[in-house]
Amino acid sequence: MMGFKPSKARLRRLRPALLVSVILITIFIYLRPTSIPAYSTWTTTSVQGKEDGVVCPNSPLMKDVFVVIRTGATEAQEKLPVHFKTILTCVPDFIIYSDMNEIVDGHEVHDVLNEVNATIKKSAPEFELYERLRTRGRDGLDYQTTFGSGPSGALDNPGWKLDKWKFLPMVDRALQERPKAKWFVFVEPDTYFMWTNLLEYLRQFDPSKPWYIGKHMYASAVLFAHGGSGFALSRPAVEKVSKHWSDKKTEIEQATLKGWAGDMILGKALSDVGVDMFWAYPHMQGDSLTALNWAVEKLERQTWCYAAATFHHMSADEITTLWQFEQTWYRRNPSGSGAPLRFRDIFNNLIRHRLRAERSGWDNMSVGREYSDEALAKLSQNDIDNLSLVEQNAHSSFDMCQATCEQQPRCIQFSFVPGKCAVSDELRLGRTSDTQCLEYSNAAGKCVKEATTTGKGDDVVRSGWIMDRIPGYMYWLDEFCDTVHDIWVTK
């Protein structure tokens, strides 16, 4: 199998540029200002207010976009505050809907479930939590026994179950709040939306037509936009589905009672009124900076080449880091002076310098092939005999794990804990961790198989990348971009 190598024709075109790049990089290293942040891990330095120089987009569309954040009492106080210090400092018009009225960091959070049918509230078990929240406020929460579900939610978390009831009511309420808005953007508190790019993306569409724009998901024979990735509705689409909600409320609530996800129920309702979902992949992502496979390709669209609009499952530290990166980027490249931020720009300027030959206490989510006593025990003797001696001993040390990856032409990264080695052809950044991710679910947005460590002494996760393959990996991906004529997907 070939490694990550650019074509000969591209190499011939790149040689002069590479020589210039080496010279410029050398100059930059010696002359770069010390005030520009060079992050080595996720950082959480303070974010300045607008009066101190925050760079916000100068888009004529901004005043016509209403941003709706959907959250719940089980996560609001933990996940909302970072947004008030970062992205929302540039968003002039937003509202927060939840399952309880409260104030978070001085911002009002609105209960959006108060209009759900009283009979449903009495019969659906998840509304027991809602009743406690309504009568006792936060005293009605029991974090020790009921919650703590993590960034992806949990199917047995009543807060997660309540969430499906919010979608149609929040769309209807948003229209009541801003009946003249041209666009409604719906996100979750662990969604990072790149405000400048998102506004530019929406500018490509005619808001007088019914649009339903998002990252595609398909379940129970319904195509719908994934809520965590964020989605946008034009006013005509909101008007259509709100009227449908009003006319068919009992029917839709019964469907919600039986269904498992509110974004699916909303997608079905929109389909029923003739508003089909527009597939905005790869602009809107279901993964975070931590978990994204930078070479992922779906729908014959290589993510690397397109403009980025959203990420999901973002921690507060990741949100702060990406916000700071955007601020630095737009100070150097004022809005309107260049092309929108693409995924490859984020990788080249934010991710690449975090990669190392070795990072201790770090899991880079090498979810390819596993080498361990357990994994070897599942192989036939013939399969074991076909492994190289290095592979057979990959799980014996970090160095042998690295050597195993180096033996495989397309292997780009690996991770090691005592007794387990994992290698992967997919490049991910990963995160600080005491566990080694061995299997990742894109649908759930989390690891579903892990190896644990104590995090002490030698019993830690150690990860590495094959550093001399990174340039070839980047050139290989850049070649896909030679045939991409528009970095926005609009048809």
Protein backbone atom coordinates (compact mmCIF):
# COMPACT_ATOMS: atom_id res chain seq x y z
CA MET A 1 0.00 0.00 0.00
CA MET A 2 1.36 3.40 -0.88
CA GLY A 3 2.12 5.93 1.83
CA PHE A 4 1.02 9.56 1.94
CA LYS A 5 2.86 10.94 -1.08
CA PRO A 6 1.97 13.75 -3.48
CA SER A 7 2.02 13.03 -7.19
CA LYS A 8 5.21 13.72 -9.16
CA ALA A 9 3.47 16.48 -11.09
CA ARG A 10 2.46 18.17 -7.88
CA LEU A 11 5.96 17.80 -6.46
CA ARG A 12 7.38 19.58 -9.51
CA ARG A 13 4.93 22.41 -8.95
CA LEU A 14 5.67 22.48 -5.22
CA ARG A 15 9.50 22.61 -5.31
CA PRO A 16 9.83 26.38 -5.77
CA ALA A 17 7.08 26.98 -3.20
CA LEU A 18 8.74 24.59 -0.74
CA LEU A 19 12.06 26.43 -1.01
CA VAL A 20 10.36 29.76 -0.39
CA SER A 21 8.37 28.24 2.48
CA VAL A 22 11.52 27.00 4.22
CA ILE A 23 13.06 30.48 3.98
CA LEU A 24 9.90 32.18 5.25
CA ILE A 25 9.47 29.71 8.12
CA THR A 26 13.08 30.31 9.18
CA ILE A 27 12.51 34.07 9.15
CA PHE A 28 9.23 33.67 11.03
CA ILE A 29 10.81 31.58 13.79
CA TYR A 30 13.35 34.31 14.51
CA LEU A 31 11.10 37.34 14.02
CA ARG A 32 7.64 36.28 15.19
CA PRO A 33 6.13 38.45 17.96
CA THR A 34 6.15 36.86 21.39
CA SER A 35 2.56 38.04 21.95
CA ILE A 36 1.13 35.51 19.49
CA PRO A 37 0.00 32.46 21.48
CA ALA A 38 1.82 29.21 20.72
CA TYR A 39 -0.40 26.68 22.45
CA SER A 40 1.19 23.43 23.59
CA THR A 41 -1.98 22.07 25.18
CA TRP A 42 -5.57 23.29 25.44
CA THR A 43 -5.36 26.62 27.24
CA THR A 44 -7.92 28.76 29.02
CA THR A 45 -6.44 32.26 29.06
CA SER A 46 -8.90 35.10 29.48
CA VAL A 47 -10.88 36.48 26.57
CA GLN A 48 -11.10 40.25 26.18
CA GLY A 49 -14.39 42.11 25.80
CA LYS A 50 -15.29 43.97 22.61
CA GLU A 51 -13.96 47.22 24.01
CA ASP A 52 -10.57 45.52 24.39
CA GLY A 53 -10.34 44.48 20.78
CA VAL A 54 -12.42 41.39 20.11
CA VAL A 55 -12.70 40.90 16.35
CA CYS A 56 -16.29 40.33 15.24
CA PRO A 57 -17.58 39.76 11.70
CA ASN A 58 -18.77 42.75 9.75
CA SER A 59 -21.58 40.97 7.92
CA PRO A 60 -24.78 42.73 6.85
CA LEU A 61 -26.59 39.45 7.55
CA MET A 62 -25.69 39.39 11.25
CA LYS A 63 -28.67 41.50 12.34
CA ASP A 64 -31.03 39.09 10.54
CA VAL A 65 -29.86 35.89 12.26
CA PHE A 66 -31.40 34.70 15.53
CA VAL A 67 -29.23 32.15 17.38
CA VAL A 68 -31.04 29.66 19.63
CA ILE A 69 -29.09 27.62 22.19
CA ARG A 70 -30.88 24.51 23.44
CA THR A 71 -29.70 23.22 26.80
CA GLY A 72 -30.97 21.62 30.03
CA ALA A 73 -30.68 22.18 33.77
CA THR A 74 -28.30 19.21 34.08
CA GLU A 75 -25.64 20.96 31.97
CA ALA A 76 -26.44 24.68 31.68
CA GLN A 77 -24.26 25.99 34.49
CA GLU A 78 -21.33 23.86 33.39
CA LYS A 79 -21.41 24.46 29.64
CA LEU A 80 -22.95 27.88 29.00
CA PRO A 81 -20.50 30.28 30.72
CA VAL A 82 -17.66 29.77 28.22
CA HIS A 83 -19.94 30.90 25.38
CA PHE A 84 -20.68 34.22 27.13
CA LYS A 85 -16.93 34.90 27.21
CA THR A 86 -16.23 33.81 23.64
CA ILE A 87 -18.54 33.35 20.64
CA LEU A 88 -21.60 35.11 22.04
CA THR A 89 -19.62 38.34 22.53
CA CYS A 90 -20.01 38.71 18.76
CA VAL A 91 -23.62 37.49 18.43
CA PRO A 92 -26.04 40.41 18.76
CA ASP A 93 -29.25 38.38 18.97
CA PHE A 94 -29.55 35.06 20.80
CA ILE A 95 -31.80 33.23 23.24
CA ILE A 96 -31.37 30.19 25.46
CA TYR A 97 -34.07 27.53 25.84
CA SER A 98 -34.01 24.85 28.52
CA ASP A 99 -36.24 22.80 30.80
CA MET A 100 -36.13 25.35 33.62
CA ASN A 101 -36.26 29.12 34.02
CA GLU A 102 -33.05 30.39 35.59
CA ILE A 103 -30.24 32.92 35.32
CA VAL A 104 -26.78 31.72 34.29
CA ASP A 105 -23.94 34.24 34.50
CA GLY A 106 -26.41 37.07 34.23
CA HIS A 107 -28.17 35.64 31.17
CA GLU A 108 -31.80 34.55 31.21
CA VAL A 109 -32.54 30.91 30.39
CA HIS A 110 -36.12 30.11 29.39
CA ASP A 111 -38.25 27.04 30.06
CA VAL A 112 -39.50 25.87 26.65
CA LEU A 113 -41.46 22.84 27.87
CA ASN A 114 -44.28 24.72 29.57
CA GLU A 115 -46.56 24.32 26.55
CA VAL A 116 -46.24 20.54 26.29
CA ASN A 117 -49.58 18.80 26.81
CA ALA A 118 -50.41 18.35 30.52
CA THR A 119 -51.42 14.72 29.98
CA ILE A 120 -48.02 13.97 28.43
CA LYS A 121 -46.30 15.59 31.39
CA LYS A 122 -48.19 13.33 33.77
CA SER A 123 -47.62 10.11 31.81
CA ALA A 124 -44.05 10.34 30.44
CA PRO A 125 -41.53 9.31 33.16
CA GLU A 126 -38.95 11.92 32.13
CA PHE A 127 -41.33 14.71 33.14
CA GLU A 128 -40.90 13.68 36.78
CA LEU A 129 -37.58 15.54 36.55
CA TYR A 130 -39.29 18.51 34.89
CA GLU A 131 -41.83 18.70 37.73
CA ARG A 132 -39.04 18.68 40.31
CA LEU A 133 -37.23 21.44 38.43
CA ARG A 134 -40.42 23.47 38.14
CA THR A 135 -41.28 23.24 41.84
CA ARG A 136 -37.85 23.03 43.50
CA GLY A 137 -35.43 24.53 40.99
CA ARG A 138 -31.89 23.19 41.20
CA ASP A 139 -32.71 21.52 44.51
CA GLY A 140 -34.63 19.03 42.36
CA LEU A 141 -31.41 17.72 40.80
CA ASP A 142 -29.52 14.72 42.12
CA TYR A 143 -26.15 14.70 40.40
CA GLN A 144 -24.80 11.78 42.37
CA THR A 145 -27.37 9.20 41.33
CA THR A 146 -29.05 10.51 38.19
CA PHE A 147 -26.73 12.63 36.10
CA GLY A 148 -23.06 13.03 35.27
CA SER A 149 -23.73 11.69 31.77
CA GLY A 150 -20.72 13.25 30.08
CA PRO A 151 -20.52 15.27 26.86
CA SER A 152 -22.50 12.81 24.77
CA GLY A 153 -25.48 12.43 27.08
CA ALA A 154 -26.80 9.09 28.25
CA LEU A 155 -29.90 7.22 27.24
CA ASP A 156 -30.87 6.62 30.88
CA ASN A 157 -30.42 10.28 31.84
CA PRO A 158 -33.88 11.88 32.35
CA GLY A 159 -32.37 15.21 31.27
CA TRP A 160 -31.39 13.64 27.94
CA LYS A 161 -34.87 12.13 27.55
CA LEU A 162 -36.50 15.49 28.25
CA ASP A 163 -34.43 17.05 25.50
CA LYS A 164 -36.44 15.47 22.67
CA TRP A 165 -39.51 17.45 23.74
CA LYS A 166 -37.81 20.81 23.20
CA PHE A 167 -37.32 20.86 19.43
CA LEU A 168 -40.74 21.78 18.04
CA PRO A 169 -41.59 24.11 20.95
CA MET A 170 -38.28 25.97 20.61
CA VAL A 171 -38.73 26.48 16.87
CA ASP A 172 -42.22 27.82 17.46
CA ARG A 173 -41.12 30.06 20.33
CA ALA A 174 -38.17 31.38 18.34
CA LEU A 175 -40.53 32.50 15.59
CA GLN A 176 -42.72 34.24 18.15
CA GLU A 177 -39.67 35.99 19.58
CA ARG A 178 -38.24 37.12 16.23
CA PRO A 179 -40.99 36.98 13.58
CA LYS A 180 -38.91 39.07 11.15
CA ALA A 181 -35.60 37.23 11.42
CA LYS A 182 -34.37 35.84 8.10
CA TRP A 183 -32.46 32.93 9.62
CA PHE A 184 -32.72 30.86 12.80
CA VAL A 185 -29.58 28.97 13.87
CA PHE A 186 -30.01 26.20 16.47
CA VAL A 187 -27.06 24.87 18.48
CA GLU A 188 -26.24 23.06 21.71
CA PRO A 189 -23.92 24.24 24.50
CA ASP A 190 -21.15 21.88 23.34
CA THR A 191 -21.45 23.13 19.75
CA TYR A 192 -18.81 25.55 18.51
CA PHE A 193 -20.08 27.63 15.62
CA MET A 194 -17.57 29.66 13.63
CA TRP A 195 -19.67 32.78 13.46
CA THR A 196 -17.84 34.53 10.61
CA ASN A 197 -17.93 31.44 8.40
CA LEU A 198 -21.48 30.54 9.34
CA LEU A 199 -22.74 33.98 8.33
CA GLU A 200 -20.86 33.73 5.05
CA TYR A 201 -22.32 30.29 4.42
CA LEU A 202 -25.89 31.43 5.02
CA ARG A 203 -25.25 34.33 2.66
CA GLN A 204 -25.01 31.77 -0.17
CA PHE A 205 -28.73 30.91 0.20
CA ASP A 206 -31.92 32.82 -0.58
CA PRO A 207 -33.67 33.36 2.80
CA SER A 208 -37.02 33.94 1.10
CA LYS A 209 -37.16 30.20 0.33
CA PRO A 210 -37.71 27.40 2.86
CA TRP A 211 -34.25 26.09 3.84
CA TYR A 212 -33.34 23.39 6.37
CA ILE A 213 -29.54 23.21 6.46
CA GLY A 214 -27.50 20.79 8.56
CA LYS A 215 -25.36 17.68 8.92
CA HIS A 216 -27.29 14.65 7.75
CA MET A 217 -28.40 11.79 9.94
CA TYR A 218 -30.74 8.96 9.05
CA ALA A 219 -32.79 6.93 11.53
CA SER A 220 -36.18 5.22 11.54
CA ALA A 221 -36.50 6.00 7.81
CA VAL A 222 -36.20 9.74 8.54
CA LEU A 223 -33.50 12.03 7.14
CA PHE A 224 -32.82 14.89 9.55
CA ALA A 225 -30.22 17.43 10.63
CA HIS A 226 -28.14 16.41 13.64
CA GLY A 227 -28.94 18.80 16.50
CA GLY A 228 -25.48 18.76 18.08
CA SER A 229 -23.80 19.76 14.82
CA GLY A 230 -26.08 22.78 14.60
CA PHE A 231 -28.64 23.51 11.91
CA ALA A 232 -30.22 26.54 10.26
CA LEU A 233 -33.80 27.25 9.20
CA SER A 234 -34.93 30.12 7.04
CA ARG A 235 -38.02 32.01 8.18
CA PRO A 236 -40.30 30.39 5.54
CA ALA A 237 -39.23 26.95 6.81
CA VAL A 238 -39.87 27.97 10.42
CA GLU A 239 -43.28 29.37 9.51
CA LYS A 240 -44.28 26.16 7.74
CA VAL A 241 -43.22 23.81 10.52
CA SER A 242 -44.63 26.05 13.27
CA LYS A 243 -48.05 26.02 11.63
CA HIS A 244 -47.77 22.23 11.28
CA TRP A 245 -46.88 21.99 14.98
CA SER A 246 -49.93 24.05 15.86
CA ASP A 247 -52.25 22.02 13.60
CA LYS A 248 -50.88 18.56 14.47
CA LYS A 249 -49.64 19.06 18.01
CA THR A 250 -51.30 15.99 19.52
CA GLU A 251 -50.08 13.75 16.70
CA ILE A 252 -46.51 15.10 16.90
CA GLU A 253 -46.42 14.74 20.69
CA GLN A 254 -47.46 11.11 20.37
CA ALA A 255 -44.65 10.58 17.86
CA THR A 256 -42.24 12.27 20.26
CA LEU A 257 -43.41 10.01 23.08
CA LYS A 258 -42.46 6.95 21.01
CA GLY A 259 -39.36 8.44 19.38
CA TRP A 260 -35.84 8.66 20.76
CA ALA A 261 -34.54 11.96 19.38
CA GLY A 262 -36.10 15.38 19.01
CA ASP A 263 -34.00 16.37 16.01
CA MET A 264 -35.47 13.35 14.18
CA ILE A 265 -39.03 14.40 15.13
CA LEU A 266 -38.33 17.91 13.84
CA GLY A 267 -36.87 16.53 10.61
CA LYS A 268 -39.98 14.41 10.07
CA ALA A 269 -42.24 17.43 10.69
CA LEU A 270 -40.28 19.53 8.20
CA SER A 271 -40.45 16.75 5.63
CA ASP A 272 -44.20 16.50 6.15
CA VAL A 273 -44.59 20.16 5.12
CA GLY A 274 -42.35 19.77 2.09
CA VAL A 275 -39.08 21.17 3.52
CA ASP A 276 -36.28 18.76 2.72
CA MET A 277 -32.96 18.84 4.51
CA PHE A 278 -29.99 20.35 2.66
CA TRP A 279 -26.83 18.32 3.29
CA ALA A 280 -24.31 20.84 4.62
CA TYR A 281 -21.53 18.31 5.15
CA PRO A 282 -18.62 18.84 5.70
CA HIS A 283 -19.18 22.42 6.92
CA MET A 284 -21.18 21.19 9.91
CA GLN A 285 -19.36 18.52 11.88
CA GLY A 286 -20.45 15.99 14.49
CA ASP A 287 -16.93 15.67 15.94
CA SER A 288 -14.74 17.98 17.99
CA LEU A 289 -11.18 19.13 17.34
CA THR A 290 -10.16 16.28 19.65
CA ALA A 291 -11.82 13.49 17.69
CA LEU A 292 -11.99 14.72 14.08
CA ASN A 293 -10.28 12.52 11.50
CA TRP A 294 -8.68 15.22 9.37
CA ALA A 295 -8.81 13.07 6.23
CA VAL A 296 -12.46 12.09 6.53
CA GLU A 297 -14.36 12.04 3.24
CA LYS A 298 -18.11 11.59 2.80
CA LEU A 299 -20.45 12.30 -0.09
CA GLU A 300 -17.31 12.58 -2.26
CA ARG A 301 -16.35 15.69 -0.29
CA GLN A 302 -12.92 15.80 1.30
CA THR A 303 -13.40 17.74 4.54
CA TRP A 304 -9.87 19.15 4.39
CA CYS A 305 -10.71 21.34 1.38
CA TYR A 306 -13.89 23.01 2.62
CA ALA A 307 -14.74 25.90 4.94
CA ALA A 308 -15.52 24.98 8.55
CA ALA A 309 -18.78 26.10 10.20
CA THR A 310 -19.40 23.97 13.32
CA PHE A 311 -17.86 21.37 15.62
CA HIS A 312 -19.66 19.26 18.24
CA HIS A 313 -18.74 17.68 21.60
CA MET A 314 -16.46 20.63 22.33
CA SER A 315 -15.18 21.06 25.88
CA ALA A 316 -14.88 24.51 27.43
CA ASP A 317 -11.11 24.41 26.88
CA GLU A 318 -11.50 23.49 23.22
CA ILE A 319 -14.07 26.25 22.71
CA THR A 320 -11.74 28.81 24.27
CA THR A 321 -8.77 27.61 22.24
CA LEU A 322 -10.62 27.67 18.91
CA TRP A 323 -12.07 31.09 19.75
CA GLN A 324 -8.59 32.46 20.51
CA PHE A 325 -7.30 30.94 17.30
CA GLU A 326 -10.09 32.58 15.29
CA GLN A 327 -9.37 35.93 16.95
CA THR A 328 -5.68 35.70 16.04
CA TRP A 329 -6.54 34.58 12.50
CA TYR A 330 -8.93 37.46 11.82
CA ARG A 331 -6.55 40.02 13.26
CA ARG A 332 -3.99 38.83 10.73
CA ASN A 333 -6.57 38.24 7.98
CA PRO A 334 -9.36 40.82 8.39
CA SER A 335 -12.80 39.68 7.29
CA GLY A 336 -13.17 40.20 3.56
CA SER A 337 -9.43 40.20 2.88
CA GLY A 338 -9.16 36.49 2.09
CA ALA A 339 -10.89 33.15 1.75
CA PRO A 340 -12.93 31.77 4.69
CA LEU A 341 -11.19 29.52 7.19
CA ARG A 342 -10.99 25.99 5.84
CA PHE A 343 -10.41 22.82 7.80
CA ARG A 344 -6.90 22.61 6.41
CA ASP A 345 -6.20 26.14 7.70
CA ILE A 346 -7.22 25.03 11.19
CA PHE A 347 -5.01 21.96 10.95
CA ASN A 348 -1.99 23.82 9.57
CA ASN A 349 -2.16 26.70 12.04
CA LEU A 350 -3.66 25.20 15.21
CA ILE A 351 -3.33 21.41 15.19
CA ARG A 352 -0.08 20.56 13.44
CA HIS A 353 2.30 22.09 15.97
CA ARG A 354 0.65 20.06 18.75
CA LEU A 355 1.76 16.78 17.18
CA ARG A 356 4.83 15.13 18.67
CA ALA A 357 6.84 11.95 18.32
CA GLU A 358 5.80 11.30 21.92
CA ARG A 359 3.22 12.83 24.27
CA SER A 360 2.81 11.35 27.73
CA GLY A 361 -0.56 11.46 29.48
CA TRP A 362 -2.16 12.03 26.08
CA ASP A 363 -4.50 9.80 24.06
CA ASN A 364 -4.51 10.59 20.35
CA MET A 365 -7.37 8.15 19.72
CA SER A 366 -5.51 5.71 17.49
CA VAL A 367 -8.56 3.61 16.72
CA GLY A 368 -7.12 1.32 14.09
CA ARG A 369 -5.51 -2.03 14.84
CA GLU A 370 -4.97 -3.16 18.44
CA TYR A 371 -2.02 -5.27 19.61
CA SER A 372 -2.36 -6.94 23.01
CA ASP A 373 -2.41 -10.39 24.54
CA GLU A 374 -6.21 -10.34 24.24
CA ALA A 375 -6.11 -9.28 20.59
CA LEU A 376 -3.47 -11.86 19.68
CA ALA A 377 -5.47 -14.59 21.43
CA LYS A 378 -8.32 -13.99 18.97
CA LEU A 379 -6.06 -14.65 15.95
CA SER A 380 -5.43 -17.99 14.33
CA GLN A 381 -1.91 -19.38 14.46
CA ASN A 382 -1.60 -18.70 10.73
CA ASP A 383 -2.53 -15.04 11.27
CA ILE A 384 0.02 -14.74 14.07
CA ASP A 385 2.73 -16.31 11.89
CA ASN A 386 1.98 -13.68 9.24
CA LEU A 387 2.72 -10.88 11.71
CA SER A 388 6.24 -9.51 11.79
CA LEU A 389 8.31 -10.04 14.92
CA VAL A 390 7.89 -6.32 15.67
CA GLU A 391 4.10 -6.61 15.40
CA GLN A 392 4.01 -9.65 17.66
CA ASN A 393 5.79 -7.57 20.31
CA ALA A 394 4.09 -4.22 19.60
CA HIS A 395 2.40 -4.17 23.03
CA SER A 396 5.64 -4.78 24.94
CA SER A 397 6.90 -1.17 24.88
CA PHE A 398 6.28 2.29 23.50
CA ASP A 399 9.26 1.93 21.14
CA MET A 400 7.96 -1.38 19.72
CA CYS A 401 4.52 0.18 19.25
CA GLN A 402 6.12 3.06 17.36
CA ALA A 403 8.18 0.63 15.26
CA THR A 404 5.01 -1.30 14.39
CA CYS A 405 3.39 1.87 13.09
CA GLU A 406 6.53 2.77 11.13
CA GLN A 407 6.47 -0.65 9.44
CA GLN A 408 3.02 0.11 7.98
CA PRO A 409 3.30 2.60 5.08
CA ARG A 410 0.07 4.49 5.80
CA CYS A 411 0.20 4.41 9.60
CA ILE A 412 0.30 8.00 10.84
CA GLN A 413 -0.10 7.66 14.63
CA PHE A 414 -0.12 5.24 17.56
CA SER A 415 -0.86 5.05 21.28
CA PHE A 416 0.50 2.82 24.02
CA VAL A 417 -0.37 1.75 27.55
CA PRO A 418 1.44 -1.11 29.25
CA GLY A 419 0.22 -4.24 27.46
CA LYS A 420 -1.70 -2.51 24.69
CA CYS A 421 -0.61 -0.83 21.45
CA ALA A 422 -2.99 0.78 18.96
CA VAL A 423 -1.99 2.08 15.52
CA SER A 424 -4.03 4.10 13.04
CA ASP A 425 -4.05 5.43 9.47
CA GLU A 426 -6.36 8.25 10.61
CA LEU A 427 -4.82 11.37 12.08
CA ARG A 428 -6.55 12.75 15.17
CA LEU A 429 -5.32 15.17 17.79
CA GLY A 430 -6.77 13.54 20.90
CA ARG A 431 -6.65 14.96 24.41
CA THR A 432 -5.13 14.73 27.87
CA SER A 433 -6.35 11.45 29.29
CA ASP A 434 -5.82 8.56 31.69
CA THR A 435 -7.56 6.18 29.26
CA GLN A 436 -6.61 4.84 25.84
CA CYS A 437 -9.38 4.95 23.24
CA LEU A 438 -9.48 1.69 21.26
CA GLU A 439 -12.84 2.08 19.52
CA TYR A 440 -14.65 5.32 18.67
CA SER A 441 -18.32 5.76 17.76
CA ASN A 442 -18.95 8.61 15.32
CA ALA A 443 -22.68 8.36 15.98
CA ALA A 444 -22.26 8.75 19.74
CA GLY A 445 -19.27 11.06 19.48
CA LYS A 446 -17.32 9.16 22.11
CA CYS A 447 -15.05 6.20 22.76
CA VAL A 448 -16.93 2.96 23.29
CA LYS A 449 -13.91 0.81 24.16
CA GLU A 450 -11.09 2.04 26.37
CA ALA A 451 -8.06 0.79 28.26
CA THR A 452 -7.71 2.42 31.67
CA THR A 453 -4.55 3.42 33.53
CA THR A 454 -3.74 4.76 36.98
CA GLY A 455 -2.05 7.80 35.45
CA LYS A 456 0.93 7.24 37.75
CA GLY A 457 4.50 6.25 36.99
CA ASP A 458 4.76 4.21 33.81
CA ASP A 459 1.04 3.36 33.89
CA VAL A 460 0.02 6.24 31.63
CA VAL A 461 -1.22 6.69 28.09
CA ARG A 462 1.56 7.67 25.69
CA SER A 463 0.86 8.69 22.12
CA GLY A 464 2.91 9.63 19.11
CA TRP A 465 2.75 10.57 15.46
CA ILE A 466 5.16 9.54 12.70
CA MET A 467 6.41 13.07 12.25
CA ASP A 468 8.26 12.61 8.96
CA ARG A 469 5.00 11.43 7.35
CA ILE A 470 3.00 14.53 8.31
CA PRO A 471 4.20 16.67 5.33
CA GLY A 472 3.33 13.88 2.88
CA TYR A 473 -0.05 13.46 4.56
CA MET A 474 -0.76 17.16 4.09
CA TYR A 475 0.37 17.22 0.46
CA TRP A 476 -1.76 14.14 -0.22
CA LEU A 477 -4.83 15.90 1.16
CA ASP A 478 -3.98 19.13 -0.66
CA GLU A 479 -4.18 17.28 -3.95
CA PHE A 480 -7.88 16.67 -3.39
CA CYS A 481 -8.35 20.42 -3.17
CA ASP A 482 -7.03 20.92 -6.71
CA THR A 483 -10.43 19.75 -7.99
CA VAL A 484 -12.58 21.65 -5.45
CA HIS A 485 -13.75 24.82 -7.19
CA ASP A 486 -16.04 26.12 -4.45
CA ILE A 487 -15.29 25.77 -0.74
CA TRP A 488 -19.03 26.14 0.03
CA VAL A 489 -21.48 23.32 -0.62
CA THR A 490 -24.59 24.99 -2.03
CA LYS A 491 -26.06 22.35 -4.36
